[in-house]
Amino acid sequence: MTTTKQLVKSIIEGIQEKKGHNIRVADLTGIDDTICKYLVICEGNSPTQVQAIEDSVWDKVFEQIGEKPRAIDGLRNSFWVAMDYTDVVVHVFLPEARAFYDIDNLWEDAAMEEIPED
């Protein structure tokens, strides 16, 4: 059985494979009434890179764990793509969209882990 931590690890590997940056993991497990256990947030420098990161995450998670996301949204314009893996939601932003929506700070009660650049 796959653990949520293994899922997060595979997601991060998929992001790093396509040079996604400013990766942060929000641990929501200590907060009541959240839609998931973890948020993984990152950036790509262009819509093409955002799509490449999404593809890489999809491939890496499926290859390592055999799971597919329940839903993906945002591929039409690729300034913010969200991937729903039930316990983990992945957000891949262009930098200006990430700054505008500022979801990193929406979860200020969550333990936030910065993932070093690979």
Protein backbone atom coordinates (compact mmCIF):
# COMPACT_ATOMS: atom_id res chain seq x y z
CA MET A 1 0.00 0.00 0.00
CA THR A 2 1.27 3.43 -0.95
CA THR A 3 1.63 6.03 1.75
CA THR A 4 0.85 9.68 1.30
CA LYS A 5 4.51 10.49 2.02
CA GLN A 6 5.57 8.24 -0.88
CA LEU A 7 3.11 10.07 -3.12
CA VAL A 8 4.53 13.45 -2.09
CA LYS A 9 8.08 12.17 -2.75
CA SER A 10 7.13 10.98 -6.27
CA ILE A 11 5.43 14.30 -7.01
CA ILE A 12 8.52 16.23 -5.96
CA GLU A 13 10.72 14.01 -8.14
CA GLY A 14 8.44 14.69 -11.11
CA ILE A 15 8.65 18.44 -10.51
CA GLN A 16 12.43 18.37 -10.15
CA GLU A 17 12.82 16.29 -13.30
CA LYS A 18 11.49 19.24 -15.33
CA LYS A 19 13.35 21.88 -13.31
CA GLY A 20 10.31 23.19 -11.44
CA HIS A 21 11.39 25.59 -8.74
CA ASN A 22 10.31 27.24 -5.49
CA ILE A 23 8.82 23.92 -4.35
CA ARG A 24 6.96 24.02 -1.05
CA VAL A 25 5.01 21.30 0.71
CA ALA A 26 2.22 22.35 3.06
CA ASP A 27 1.38 19.71 5.68
CA LEU A 28 -2.32 20.12 6.40
CA THR A 29 -2.67 17.01 8.56
CA GLY A 30 -2.85 19.04 11.77
CA ILE A 31 -5.61 21.33 10.49
CA ASP A 32 -9.28 20.33 10.74
CA ASP A 33 -11.65 20.29 7.75
CA THR A 34 -9.14 20.45 4.89
CA ILE A 35 -9.74 18.95 1.47
CA CYS A 36 -6.44 17.07 1.45
CA LYS A 37 -3.47 16.13 3.64
CA TYR A 38 -0.75 17.93 1.68
CA LEU A 39 -0.36 20.67 -0.90
CA VAL A 40 2.66 20.63 -3.17
CA ILE A 41 3.24 24.04 -4.74
CA CYS A 42 5.81 24.94 -7.39
CA GLU A 43 6.55 27.17 -10.35
CA GLY A 44 7.48 26.86 -13.97
CA ASN A 45 8.87 29.74 -16.02
CA SER A 46 6.49 29.42 -18.99
CA PRO A 47 3.18 27.76 -19.88
CA THR A 48 5.19 25.12 -21.76
CA GLN A 49 7.24 24.33 -18.65
CA VAL A 50 4.09 24.27 -16.47
CA GLN A 51 2.64 21.63 -18.83
CA ALA A 52 5.94 19.70 -18.86
CA ILE A 53 5.95 19.64 -15.05
CA GLU A 54 2.35 18.39 -15.00
CA ASP A 55 3.23 15.65 -17.51
CA SER A 56 6.32 14.67 -15.51
CA VAL A 57 4.39 14.47 -12.23
CA TRP A 58 1.70 12.37 -13.91
CA ASP A 59 4.30 10.01 -15.40
CA LYS A 60 6.47 9.75 -12.27
CA VAL A 61 3.57 9.03 -9.92
CA PHE A 62 2.06 6.47 -12.29
CA GLU A 63 5.44 4.81 -12.86
CA GLN A 64 6.38 4.61 -9.17
CA ILE A 65 3.01 4.19 -7.48
CA GLY A 66 0.48 3.30 -10.17
CA GLU A 67 -1.87 6.18 -9.29
CA LYS A 68 -3.47 8.67 -11.64
CA PRO A 69 -4.80 12.05 -10.56
CA ARG A 70 -8.53 12.17 -9.89
CA ALA A 71 -8.72 15.47 -11.77
CA ILE A 72 -6.50 18.00 -13.53
CA ASP A 73 -7.54 21.57 -14.20
CA GLY A 74 -5.87 24.52 -15.88
CA LEU A 75 -4.21 22.91 -18.90
CA ARG A 76 -6.07 25.17 -21.33
CA ASN A 77 -3.93 28.21 -20.49
CA SER A 78 -1.30 26.64 -18.17
CA PHE A 79 -0.74 29.61 -15.89
CA TRP A 80 -2.00 27.53 -12.96
CA VAL A 81 -2.46 23.78 -13.20
CA ALA A 82 -3.96 21.84 -10.30
CA MET A 83 -3.66 18.05 -10.00
CA ASP A 84 -5.88 16.26 -7.47
CA TYR A 85 -4.47 13.04 -6.04
CA THR A 86 -7.13 13.04 -3.25
CA ASP A 87 -4.73 13.19 -0.27
CA VAL A 88 -2.32 15.49 -2.14
CA VAL A 89 -3.14 18.43 -4.39
CA VAL A 90 -0.38 19.70 -6.67
CA HIS A 91 -0.33 23.34 -7.82
CA VAL A 92 1.99 24.30 -10.68
CA PHE A 93 2.05 28.05 -11.26
CA LEU A 94 3.63 30.65 -13.43
CA PRO A 95 5.40 33.02 -10.99
CA GLU A 96 2.97 35.92 -11.53
CA ALA A 97 -0.07 33.67 -10.97
CA ARG A 98 1.47 32.25 -7.79
CA ALA A 99 2.11 35.77 -6.48
CA PHE A 100 -1.43 36.86 -7.37
CA TYR A 101 -3.28 33.92 -5.78
CA ASP A 102 -0.78 33.62 -2.88
CA ILE A 103 -2.03 30.20 -1.79
CA ASP A 104 1.22 29.62 0.11
CA ASN A 105 0.00 32.15 2.68
CA LEU A 106 -3.61 30.96 2.73
CA TRP A 107 -2.36 27.99 4.72
CA GLU A 108 -0.16 29.88 7.16
CA ASP A 109 -1.24 27.52 9.98
CA ALA A 110 0.25 24.58 8.08
CA ALA A 111 3.78 23.34 8.55
CA MET A 112 5.54 24.48 5.37
CA GLU A 113 8.60 22.69 4.03
CA GLU A 114 10.87 24.32 1.46
CA ILE A 115 12.34 21.79 -0.96
CA PRO A 116 15.90 22.72 -2.01
CA GLU A 117 16.59 23.25 -5.70
CA ASP A 118 17.87 20.04 -7.26
